[in-house]
Structure formats: structure tokens, C-alpha cells
N, C-alpha and C. Protein backbone atom coordinates (compact mmCIF):
# COMPACT_ATOMS: atom_id res chain seq x y z
N MET A 1 9.77 11.39 4.19
CA MET A 1 8.70 11.09 3.30
C MET A 1 8.94 11.65 1.97
N ILE A 2 8.37 10.91 1.02
CA ILE A 2 8.89 11.39 -0.41
C ILE A 2 7.42 12.23 -0.88
N LEU A 3 7.25 13.29 -0.20
CA LEU A 3 6.18 14.12 -0.62
C LEU A 3 6.74 15.58 -0.65
N GLU A 4 6.14 16.37 -1.65
CA GLU A 4 6.54 17.72 -1.99
C GLU A 4 5.30 18.45 -2.09
N ASP A 5 4.96 19.58 -1.32
CA ASP A 5 3.79 20.32 -1.30
C ASP A 5 2.64 19.36 -1.25
N GLY A 6 2.62 18.22 -0.33
CA GLY A 6 1.72 17.23 -0.13
C GLY A 6 1.41 16.41 -1.35
N LYS A 7 2.34 16.43 -2.34
CA LYS A 7 2.08 15.37 -3.44
C LYS A 7 3.29 14.38 -3.36
N PHE A 8 2.89 13.08 -3.84
CA PHE A 8 3.74 12.18 -3.83
C PHE A 8 4.79 12.56 -5.03
N LYS A 9 5.89 12.26 -4.84
CA LYS A 9 6.96 12.61 -5.93
C LYS A 9 7.92 11.34 -6.02
N GLY A 10 7.56 10.04 -5.75
CA GLY A 10 8.26 8.88 -5.78
C GLY A 10 8.74 8.69 -7.32
N HIS A 11 7.86 9.08 -8.20
CA HIS A 11 8.28 8.70 -9.73
C HIS A 11 9.46 9.62 -10.12
N SER A 12 9.60 10.90 -9.48
CA SER A 12 10.71 11.69 -9.93
C SER A 12 11.98 11.15 -9.22
N ILE A 13 11.77 10.74 -8.05
CA ILE A 13 12.97 10.30 -7.37
C ILE A 13 13.48 9.04 -7.87
N LEU A 14 12.74 8.13 -8.39
CA LEU A 14 13.14 6.90 -9.08
C LEU A 14 13.62 7.13 -10.35
N VAL A 15 13.22 8.03 -11.13
CA VAL A 15 13.74 8.51 -12.48
C VAL A 15 15.07 9.07 -12.17
N GLU A 16 15.24 9.85 -11.33
CA GLU A 16 16.51 10.62 -11.00
C GLU A 16 17.47 9.66 -10.64
N THR A 17 17.16 8.72 -9.63
CA THR A 17 18.22 7.68 -9.14
C THR A 17 18.48 6.68 -10.39
N LEU A 18 17.61 6.18 -11.14
CA LEU A 18 17.98 5.35 -12.05
C LEU A 18 18.88 5.82 -13.22
N THR A 19 18.75 7.18 -13.52
CA THR A 19 19.46 7.73 -14.53
C THR A 19 20.74 8.09 -14.08
N LYS A 20 20.94 8.16 -12.87
CA LYS A 20 22.29 8.24 -12.14
C LYS A 20 22.93 6.95 -12.16
N GLU A 21 22.32 5.96 -11.82
CA GLU A 21 22.79 4.65 -11.73
C GLU A 21 23.19 3.91 -13.11
N VAL A 22 22.43 4.24 -14.19
CA VAL A 22 22.67 3.60 -15.40
C VAL A 22 23.35 4.69 -16.45
N PRO A 23 24.44 4.47 -16.97
CA PRO A 23 25.01 5.41 -17.90
C PRO A 23 24.14 5.58 -19.10
N GLU A 24 24.12 6.78 -19.74
CA GLU A 24 23.35 7.06 -20.97
C GLU A 24 23.69 5.98 -22.07
N CYS A 25 24.95 5.65 -22.19
CA CYS A 25 25.36 4.76 -23.17
C CYS A 25 24.74 3.22 -22.96
N ARG A 26 24.17 2.87 -21.79
CA ARG A 26 23.53 1.54 -21.68
C ARG A 26 22.06 1.68 -21.47
N ARG A 27 21.48 2.63 -21.53
CA ARG A 27 20.04 2.79 -21.26
C ARG A 27 19.31 1.95 -22.40
N LYS A 28 19.70 2.01 -23.75
CA LYS A 28 18.77 1.30 -24.53
C LYS A 28 18.87 -0.34 -24.36
N GLU A 29 20.00 -0.73 -23.76
CA GLU A 29 20.18 -2.37 -23.69
C GLU A 29 19.64 -2.78 -22.30
N VAL A 30 19.54 -1.93 -21.30
CA VAL A 30 19.08 -2.24 -19.97
C VAL A 30 17.69 -2.73 -19.91
N ARG A 31 17.32 -3.97 -19.46
CA ARG A 31 15.95 -4.50 -19.56
C ARG A 31 15.27 -3.98 -18.13
N VAL A 32 14.05 -3.27 -18.13
CA VAL A 32 13.42 -2.73 -17.02
C VAL A 32 12.07 -3.30 -16.89
N LEU A 33 11.68 -3.65 -15.61
CA LEU A 33 10.36 -4.01 -15.32
C LEU A 33 9.72 -3.01 -14.47
N ASP A 34 8.62 -2.41 -14.88
CA ASP A 34 7.84 -1.51 -13.97
C ASP A 34 6.61 -2.12 -13.28
N VAL A 35 6.85 -2.38 -11.98
CA VAL A 35 5.72 -3.22 -11.28
C VAL A 35 4.71 -2.21 -10.86
N ALA A 36 3.51 -2.58 -10.66
CA ALA A 36 2.35 -1.65 -10.46
C ALA A 36 2.45 -0.38 -11.16
N ALA A 37 2.71 -0.57 -12.65
CA ALA A 37 2.96 0.40 -13.47
C ALA A 37 1.85 1.41 -13.59
N GLY A 38 0.67 1.28 -13.24
CA GLY A 38 -0.31 2.30 -13.15
C GLY A 38 -0.64 2.72 -14.73
N THR A 39 -0.64 4.18 -14.88
CA THR A 39 -0.85 4.65 -16.28
C THR A 39 0.46 4.81 -17.10
N GLY A 40 1.43 4.42 -16.52
CA GLY A 40 2.88 4.52 -17.27
C GLY A 40 3.49 5.68 -17.07
N LEU A 41 3.21 6.46 -16.06
CA LEU A 41 3.98 7.69 -15.92
C LEU A 41 5.41 7.68 -15.69
N VAL A 42 5.94 6.67 -15.04
CA VAL A 42 7.39 6.39 -14.82
C VAL A 42 7.96 5.93 -16.14
N GLY A 43 7.24 5.08 -16.89
CA GLY A 43 7.84 4.59 -18.08
C GLY A 43 8.04 5.54 -19.19
N VAL A 44 7.09 6.50 -19.09
CA VAL A 44 7.20 7.70 -20.06
C VAL A 44 8.41 8.53 -19.72
N ALA A 45 8.71 8.78 -18.41
CA ALA A 45 9.75 9.63 -18.01
C ALA A 45 11.02 8.91 -18.30
N LEU A 46 11.21 7.67 -18.21
CA LEU A 46 12.44 6.94 -18.37
C LEU A 46 12.68 6.91 -19.94
N ALA A 47 11.65 6.73 -20.69
CA ALA A 47 11.77 6.64 -22.24
C ALA A 47 12.35 8.17 -22.49
N GLN A 48 11.95 8.98 -21.97
CA GLN A 48 12.43 10.39 -22.30
C GLN A 48 14.05 10.57 -21.82
N LYS A 49 14.38 9.64 -21.04
CA LYS A 49 15.80 9.58 -20.63
C LYS A 49 16.73 8.70 -21.34
N GLY A 50 15.98 7.94 -22.45
CA GLY A 50 16.74 7.03 -23.18
C GLY A 50 16.76 5.53 -22.94
N PHE A 51 15.74 5.23 -21.95
CA PHE A 51 15.44 3.86 -21.78
C PHE A 51 14.45 3.37 -22.77
N THR A 52 14.74 2.19 -23.51
CA THR A 52 13.84 1.78 -24.37
C THR A 52 13.37 0.50 -24.26
N ASN A 53 14.05 -0.37 -23.36
CA ASN A 53 13.63 -1.82 -23.17
C ASN A 53 12.74 -1.89 -21.99
N LEU A 54 11.42 -1.46 -21.87
CA LEU A 54 10.61 -1.43 -20.71
C LEU A 54 9.38 -2.36 -20.75
N ASP A 55 9.22 -3.08 -19.79
CA ASP A 55 7.99 -3.91 -19.74
C ASP A 55 7.29 -3.41 -18.37
N ALA A 56 5.94 -3.72 -18.42
CA ALA A 56 5.10 -3.34 -17.32
C ALA A 56 4.27 -4.56 -16.71
N LEU A 57 4.24 -4.42 -15.40
CA LEU A 57 3.34 -5.46 -14.79
C LEU A 57 2.29 -4.59 -13.97
N GLU A 58 0.95 -4.91 -14.37
CA GLU A 58 -0.11 -4.06 -13.79
C GLU A 58 -1.29 -4.95 -13.60
N PRO A 59 -2.13 -4.94 -12.61
CA PRO A 59 -3.11 -5.77 -12.53
C PRO A 59 -4.49 -5.19 -12.95
N SER A 60 -4.52 -3.91 -13.30
CA SER A 60 -5.76 -3.37 -13.72
C SER A 60 -5.72 -3.31 -15.36
N GLU A 61 -6.72 -3.80 -15.88
CA GLU A 61 -6.89 -3.78 -17.40
C GLU A 61 -7.14 -2.22 -17.87
N CYS A 62 -7.82 -1.40 -17.04
CA CYS A 62 -7.89 -0.10 -17.45
C CYS A 62 -6.66 0.78 -17.46
N MET A 63 -5.91 0.50 -16.32
CA MET A 63 -4.52 1.14 -16.32
C MET A 63 -3.67 0.57 -17.49
N LEU A 64 -3.76 -0.58 -17.67
CA LEU A 64 -2.86 -1.25 -18.80
C LEU A 64 -3.30 -0.59 -20.17
N GLU A 65 -4.66 -0.40 -20.41
CA GLU A 65 -5.10 0.28 -21.68
C GLU A 65 -4.43 1.62 -21.76
N CYS A 66 -4.47 2.32 -20.71
CA CYS A 66 -3.92 3.75 -20.66
C CYS A 66 -2.26 3.65 -20.98
N LEU A 67 -1.70 2.81 -20.21
CA LEU A 67 -0.17 2.76 -20.46
C LEU A 67 0.15 2.24 -21.84
N ARG A 68 -0.52 1.23 -22.23
CA ARG A 68 -0.25 0.80 -23.65
C ARG A 68 -0.36 1.96 -24.77
N SER A 69 -1.32 2.92 -24.60
CA SER A 69 -1.56 3.93 -25.46
C SER A 69 -0.26 4.90 -25.57
N LYS A 70 0.62 4.73 -24.49
CA LYS A 70 1.78 5.77 -24.50
C LYS A 70 2.87 5.18 -25.37
N ASN A 71 2.95 3.79 -25.78
CA ASN A 71 3.90 3.19 -26.64
C ASN A 71 5.30 3.41 -26.09
N VAL A 72 5.43 3.10 -24.80
CA VAL A 72 6.81 3.02 -24.45
C VAL A 72 7.12 1.74 -23.79
N TYR A 73 6.30 0.87 -23.62
CA TYR A 73 6.48 -0.52 -23.09
C TYR A 73 6.35 -1.65 -24.15
N THR A 74 7.44 -2.51 -23.99
CA THR A 74 7.46 -3.63 -25.04
C THR A 74 6.46 -4.79 -24.79
N ASN A 75 6.50 -5.29 -23.55
CA ASN A 75 5.58 -6.39 -22.91
C ASN A 75 4.92 -5.82 -21.79
N THR A 76 3.50 -6.28 -21.90
CA THR A 76 2.79 -5.93 -20.61
C THR A 76 2.21 -7.31 -19.87
N PHE A 77 2.07 -7.26 -18.62
CA PHE A 77 1.50 -8.46 -17.82
C PHE A 77 0.39 -7.84 -16.93
N GLN A 78 -0.71 -8.43 -17.08
CA GLN A 78 -1.84 -8.17 -16.06
C GLN A 78 -1.88 -9.24 -15.14
N GLU A 79 -1.27 -8.88 -14.05
CA GLU A 79 -1.30 -9.85 -12.92
C GLU A 79 -1.05 -9.05 -11.61
N PHE A 80 -1.40 -9.63 -10.47
CA PHE A 80 -1.11 -9.15 -9.05
C PHE A 80 0.22 -9.88 -8.64
N VAL A 81 0.89 -9.09 -7.93
CA VAL A 81 2.17 -9.56 -7.15
C VAL A 81 1.76 -9.82 -5.67
N GLY A 82 2.29 -11.06 -5.35
CA GLY A 82 2.05 -11.38 -3.87
C GLY A 82 1.30 -12.66 -3.67
N GLN A 83 0.29 -12.94 -4.63
CA GLN A 83 -0.58 -14.17 -4.28
C GLN A 83 0.03 -15.44 -4.77
N ALA A 84 0.79 -15.55 -5.85
CA ALA A 84 1.52 -16.67 -6.48
C ALA A 84 2.54 -16.13 -7.27
N HIS A 85 3.35 -16.99 -7.87
CA HIS A 85 4.34 -16.59 -8.94
C HIS A 85 3.54 -16.06 -10.20
N THR A 86 4.11 -14.97 -10.68
CA THR A 86 3.36 -14.47 -11.88
C THR A 86 3.89 -15.27 -13.05
N SER A 87 3.43 -14.76 -14.16
CA SER A 87 3.97 -15.40 -15.44
C SER A 87 5.21 -14.50 -16.05
N VAL A 88 5.71 -13.59 -15.28
CA VAL A 88 6.88 -12.80 -15.67
C VAL A 88 7.92 -13.64 -15.64
N PRO A 89 8.71 -13.73 -16.61
CA PRO A 89 9.81 -14.56 -16.69
C PRO A 89 11.13 -14.44 -15.51
N GLN A 90 11.67 -15.36 -15.04
CA GLN A 90 12.57 -15.49 -13.99
C GLN A 90 13.90 -14.97 -14.55
N GLY A 91 14.59 -14.10 -13.82
CA GLY A 91 16.09 -13.74 -14.04
C GLY A 91 16.15 -12.90 -15.47
N CYS A 92 15.21 -12.08 -15.70
CA CYS A 92 15.29 -11.33 -17.11
C CYS A 92 15.57 -9.95 -17.06
N TYR A 93 15.44 -9.36 -15.93
CA TYR A 93 15.48 -7.84 -15.80
C TYR A 93 16.85 -7.34 -15.15
N ASP A 94 17.26 -6.35 -15.80
CA ASP A 94 18.59 -5.71 -15.04
C ASP A 94 17.94 -4.79 -14.05
N VAL A 95 16.68 -4.35 -14.09
CA VAL A 95 16.12 -3.35 -13.09
C VAL A 95 14.63 -3.62 -13.02
N VAL A 96 14.33 -4.06 -11.65
CA VAL A 96 12.86 -4.11 -11.33
C VAL A 96 12.50 -3.01 -10.39
N PHE A 97 11.46 -2.20 -10.62
CA PHE A 97 11.11 -1.29 -9.66
C PHE A 97 9.71 -1.18 -9.44
N VAL A 98 9.42 -0.54 -8.37
CA VAL A 98 7.93 -0.32 -8.09
C VAL A 98 7.82 1.16 -7.39
N VAL A 99 6.95 2.00 -8.00
CA VAL A 99 6.76 3.29 -7.40
C VAL A 99 5.36 3.30 -6.82
N GLY A 100 5.17 3.47 -5.54
CA GLY A 100 3.82 3.65 -5.08
C GLY A 100 2.93 2.48 -4.91
N GLY A 101 3.44 1.45 -5.36
CA GLY A 101 2.60 0.18 -5.29
C GLY A 101 2.73 -0.74 -4.16
N MET A 102 3.60 -0.35 -3.12
CA MET A 102 3.84 -1.03 -1.89
C MET A 102 3.06 -0.54 -0.72
N GLY A 103 2.52 -1.31 -0.03
CA GLY A 103 1.59 -0.97 1.21
C GLY A 103 0.38 -1.83 1.48
N TYR A 104 -0.15 -1.52 2.55
CA TYR A 104 -1.45 -2.43 2.88
C TYR A 104 -2.51 -2.09 1.66
N ASN A 105 -3.12 -3.06 1.28
CA ASN A 105 -4.07 -3.12 0.37
C ASN A 105 -3.45 -2.91 -1.04
N HIS A 106 -2.27 -3.13 -1.17
CA HIS A 106 -1.43 -3.05 -2.37
C HIS A 106 -0.55 -4.35 -2.48
N ILE A 107 0.56 -4.18 -2.86
CA ILE A 107 1.59 -5.36 -2.85
C ILE A 107 2.08 -5.63 -1.50
N PRO A 108 1.87 -6.93 -1.12
CA PRO A 108 2.27 -7.26 0.15
C PRO A 108 3.77 -7.25 0.32
N TYR A 109 4.37 -7.07 1.50
CA TYR A 109 5.91 -7.04 1.62
C TYR A 109 6.52 -8.09 1.13
N THR A 110 5.81 -9.37 1.12
CA THR A 110 6.32 -10.61 0.56
C THR A 110 6.62 -10.60 -0.93
N GLY A 111 5.95 -9.58 -1.51
CA GLY A 111 6.06 -9.50 -3.01
C GLY A 111 7.54 -9.13 -3.37
N VAL A 112 8.38 -8.77 -2.44
CA VAL A 112 9.80 -8.43 -2.62
C VAL A 112 10.40 -9.65 -3.35
N LEU A 113 10.19 -10.81 -2.74
CA LEU A 113 10.85 -12.12 -3.28
C LEU A 113 10.43 -12.32 -4.72
N GLU A 114 9.25 -11.90 -5.27
CA GLU A 114 8.97 -11.96 -6.57
C GLU A 114 9.84 -11.04 -7.44
N PHE A 115 10.00 -9.84 -6.98
CA PHE A 115 10.85 -8.97 -7.58
C PHE A 115 12.39 -9.46 -7.80
N VAL A 116 12.74 -10.16 -6.65
CA VAL A 116 14.08 -10.64 -6.73
C VAL A 116 14.13 -11.76 -7.88
N ARG A 117 13.01 -12.57 -7.78
CA ARG A 117 12.95 -13.61 -8.97
C ARG A 117 12.91 -13.05 -10.39
N PHE A 118 12.30 -11.79 -10.61
CA PHE A 118 12.34 -11.13 -11.85
C PHE A 118 13.78 -10.66 -12.18
N ALA A 119 14.48 -10.28 -11.34
CA ALA A 119 15.83 -9.66 -11.46
C ALA A 119 16.84 -10.68 -11.85
N LYS A 120 17.69 -10.25 -12.84
CA LYS A 120 19.06 -10.91 -13.29
C LYS A 120 19.83 -10.96 -12.11
N PRO A 121 20.70 -11.94 -11.92
CA PRO A 121 21.78 -11.99 -10.77
C PRO A 121 22.51 -10.67 -10.90
N GLY A 122 22.67 -9.88 -9.85
CA GLY A 122 23.29 -8.59 -9.92
C GLY A 122 22.45 -7.47 -10.26
N GLY A 123 21.22 -7.87 -10.53
CA GLY A 123 20.22 -6.60 -10.92
C GLY A 123 19.89 -5.93 -9.93
N LEU A 124 19.19 -4.84 -10.09
CA LEU A 124 18.59 -3.76 -9.23
C LEU A 124 17.10 -3.95 -9.01
N VAL A 125 16.81 -3.90 -7.72
CA VAL A 125 15.49 -4.12 -7.28
C VAL A 125 15.26 -2.55 -6.47
N MET A 126 14.33 -1.75 -7.10
CA MET A 126 14.11 -0.50 -6.47
C MET A 126 12.68 -0.33 -6.00
N ILE A 127 12.50 0.15 -4.70
CA ILE A 127 11.22 0.34 -4.20
C ILE A 127 11.10 1.78 -3.68
N CYS A 128 10.08 2.41 -4.18
CA CYS A 128 10.10 3.86 -3.77
C CYS A 128 8.34 4.04 -3.28
N MET A 129 8.48 4.10 -2.16
CA MET A 129 6.98 4.15 -1.36
C MET A 129 6.96 5.20 -0.35
N ARG A 130 5.68 5.54 -0.09
CA ARG A 130 5.44 6.46 1.13
C ARG A 130 5.95 5.83 2.44
N GLN A 131 6.20 6.58 3.22
CA GLN A 131 6.78 6.09 4.70
C GLN A 131 5.75 6.36 5.66
N ASP A 132 4.60 6.42 5.39
CA ASP A 132 3.48 6.86 6.45
C ASP A 132 2.87 5.58 7.02
N GLU A 133 3.15 4.43 6.46
CA GLU A 133 2.53 3.11 6.96
C GLU A 133 3.69 2.44 7.70
N GLU A 134 3.92 2.83 8.98
CA GLU A 134 5.07 2.52 9.71
C GLU A 134 5.12 0.97 9.90
N ASP A 135 3.87 0.30 10.42
CA ASP A 135 3.97 -1.03 10.68
C ASP A 135 4.21 -1.96 9.36
N TYR A 136 3.74 -1.46 8.31
CA TYR A 136 4.12 -2.15 6.94
C TYR A 136 5.59 -2.03 6.63
N LEU A 137 6.06 -0.74 6.74
CA LEU A 137 7.56 -0.50 6.63
C LEU A 137 8.38 -1.32 7.36
N THR A 138 8.00 -1.45 8.77
CA THR A 138 8.70 -2.25 9.68
C THR A 138 8.81 -3.74 9.17
N GLN A 139 7.72 -4.32 8.72
CA GLN A 139 7.61 -5.65 8.22
C GLN A 139 8.49 -5.78 6.89
N LEU A 140 8.32 -4.77 6.15
CA LEU A 140 9.10 -4.77 4.85
C LEU A 140 10.65 -4.92 5.05
N LYS A 141 11.01 -4.08 6.02
CA LYS A 141 12.50 -4.01 6.32
C LYS A 141 12.94 -5.31 6.97
N GLU A 142 12.15 -5.91 7.78
CA GLU A 142 12.37 -7.25 8.52
C GLU A 142 12.61 -8.18 7.45
N TYR A 143 11.49 -8.25 6.62
CA TYR A 143 11.51 -9.29 5.29
C TYR A 143 12.65 -8.99 4.46
N MET A 144 12.98 -7.87 4.14
CA MET A 144 14.21 -7.65 3.41
C MET A 144 15.31 -8.02 3.98
N ASN A 145 15.53 -7.94 5.31
CA ASN A 145 16.83 -8.50 5.98
C ASN A 145 16.79 -9.90 6.09
N SER A 146 15.62 -10.55 6.17
CA SER A 146 15.63 -12.01 6.15
C SER A 146 16.02 -12.47 4.84
N LEU A 147 15.64 -11.86 3.80
CA LEU A 147 16.08 -12.18 2.30
C LEU A 147 17.65 -12.08 2.25
N GLU A 148 18.22 -11.24 2.95
CA GLU A 148 19.63 -10.99 2.74
C GLU A 148 20.22 -11.94 3.64
N GLU A 149 19.78 -12.14 4.79
CA GLU A 149 20.37 -13.37 5.58
C GLU A 149 20.33 -14.71 4.73
N GLN A 150 19.36 -14.94 4.02
CA GLN A 150 19.22 -16.24 3.16
C GLN A 150 20.03 -16.11 2.09
N GLN A 151 20.63 -14.77 1.75
CA GLN A 151 21.58 -14.58 0.47
C GLN A 151 20.77 -14.77 -0.79
N LEU A 152 19.69 -14.25 -0.67
CA LEU A 152 18.70 -14.11 -1.75
C LEU A 152 18.87 -12.83 -2.52
N TRP A 153 19.30 -11.84 -1.84
CA TRP A 153 19.60 -10.55 -2.44
C TRP A 153 20.55 -9.78 -1.37
N LYS A 154 21.08 -8.65 -1.94
CA LYS A 154 21.88 -7.75 -1.08
C LYS A 154 21.35 -6.32 -1.17
N LYS A 155 20.97 -5.83 0.01
CA LYS A 155 20.56 -4.46 0.06
C LYS A 155 21.71 -3.52 -0.19
N VAL A 156 21.58 -2.73 -1.06
CA VAL A 156 22.53 -1.60 -1.34
C VAL A 156 22.30 -0.34 -0.59
N ASN A 157 21.10 0.09 -0.47
CA ASN A 157 20.77 1.38 0.16
C ASN A 157 19.26 1.25 0.58
N ILE A 158 19.06 1.88 1.75
CA ILE A 158 17.54 2.24 2.04
C ILE A 158 17.64 3.73 2.49
N GLY A 159 16.85 4.52 1.74
CA GLY A 159 16.94 5.98 2.08
C GLY A 159 15.53 6.52 2.20
């Protein structure tokens, strides 16, 4: 579980993992989409690490207002993931991530296909979520396996 002292620390794990994955010399050019961006906490942390090409997808207008005030996102999209295709362009992002947005009453596990659509060929899709929703997690893993069998993506790591 990605909890420390009872607090969700997924945002820290994502930032740490992505900064290891993307060399500092490439961080300004890498195009990143923050799905279920909330208040922009992860975007701010990534900007502090040198990422400058950040976009946000968030369904809540209030959250979007908050994250826009932080001036780290270039483009913002106010839409839900999982009901239909969003207006987010296809194949534009080197990295697509969601921190804490997956689960029942949030993004359905089938939303992963939309993440794949957002990513460039060879791009990274990163999902950081709590593991206490076992049924959802089982369905998500099965769905990710089916996408891999269809050769729509390749799982690199599940941790």
C-alpha cells in the first residue's frame, strides 16, 4: 500500500519514479499529461524537478481553477475519463499519469485505454493508486493484461 503514517504518498512515489525515468536534460522537452490532476500537487512537484511541458485533465472546475493558479500547466481539459473519448489529442504525450484517480466512483478501469490513446507510441502510462480496493485492482490488472494481449500496450512494471 502506498501509505505512510496513514497518509497517501502516491504523488511522491510518482515524482520520484518519473525523475529517475527521465534524465534531467530531457525534462523540458518531455510532454506530460496529469490525469485527474486535482489541485496540481504533482504538477508543481514535477515543475520543481525541471518538467515544463505539463498539461492537466480534471473534471472539476474548482480543482482546475486551483491548479491554474499555480502556473505550471500549459493546457487544461475539463472532462471525465471513461465515459467516452475526451477531447485530449491522440498520441501527443510522452508520459501520461494518474495519481489517486483510479478506483470505484473515480476513473473506471477501462479508462486505461484512453490513457493509451493519449500516449505517443513508446510513451509511458503510469498509474499510482491505493491498493485497498481489491476487486477494482483485480479488474484493472485483468484489463491491462487484455490490452497487452491485443498489443495495445506493453506493461513494464507493476509494483
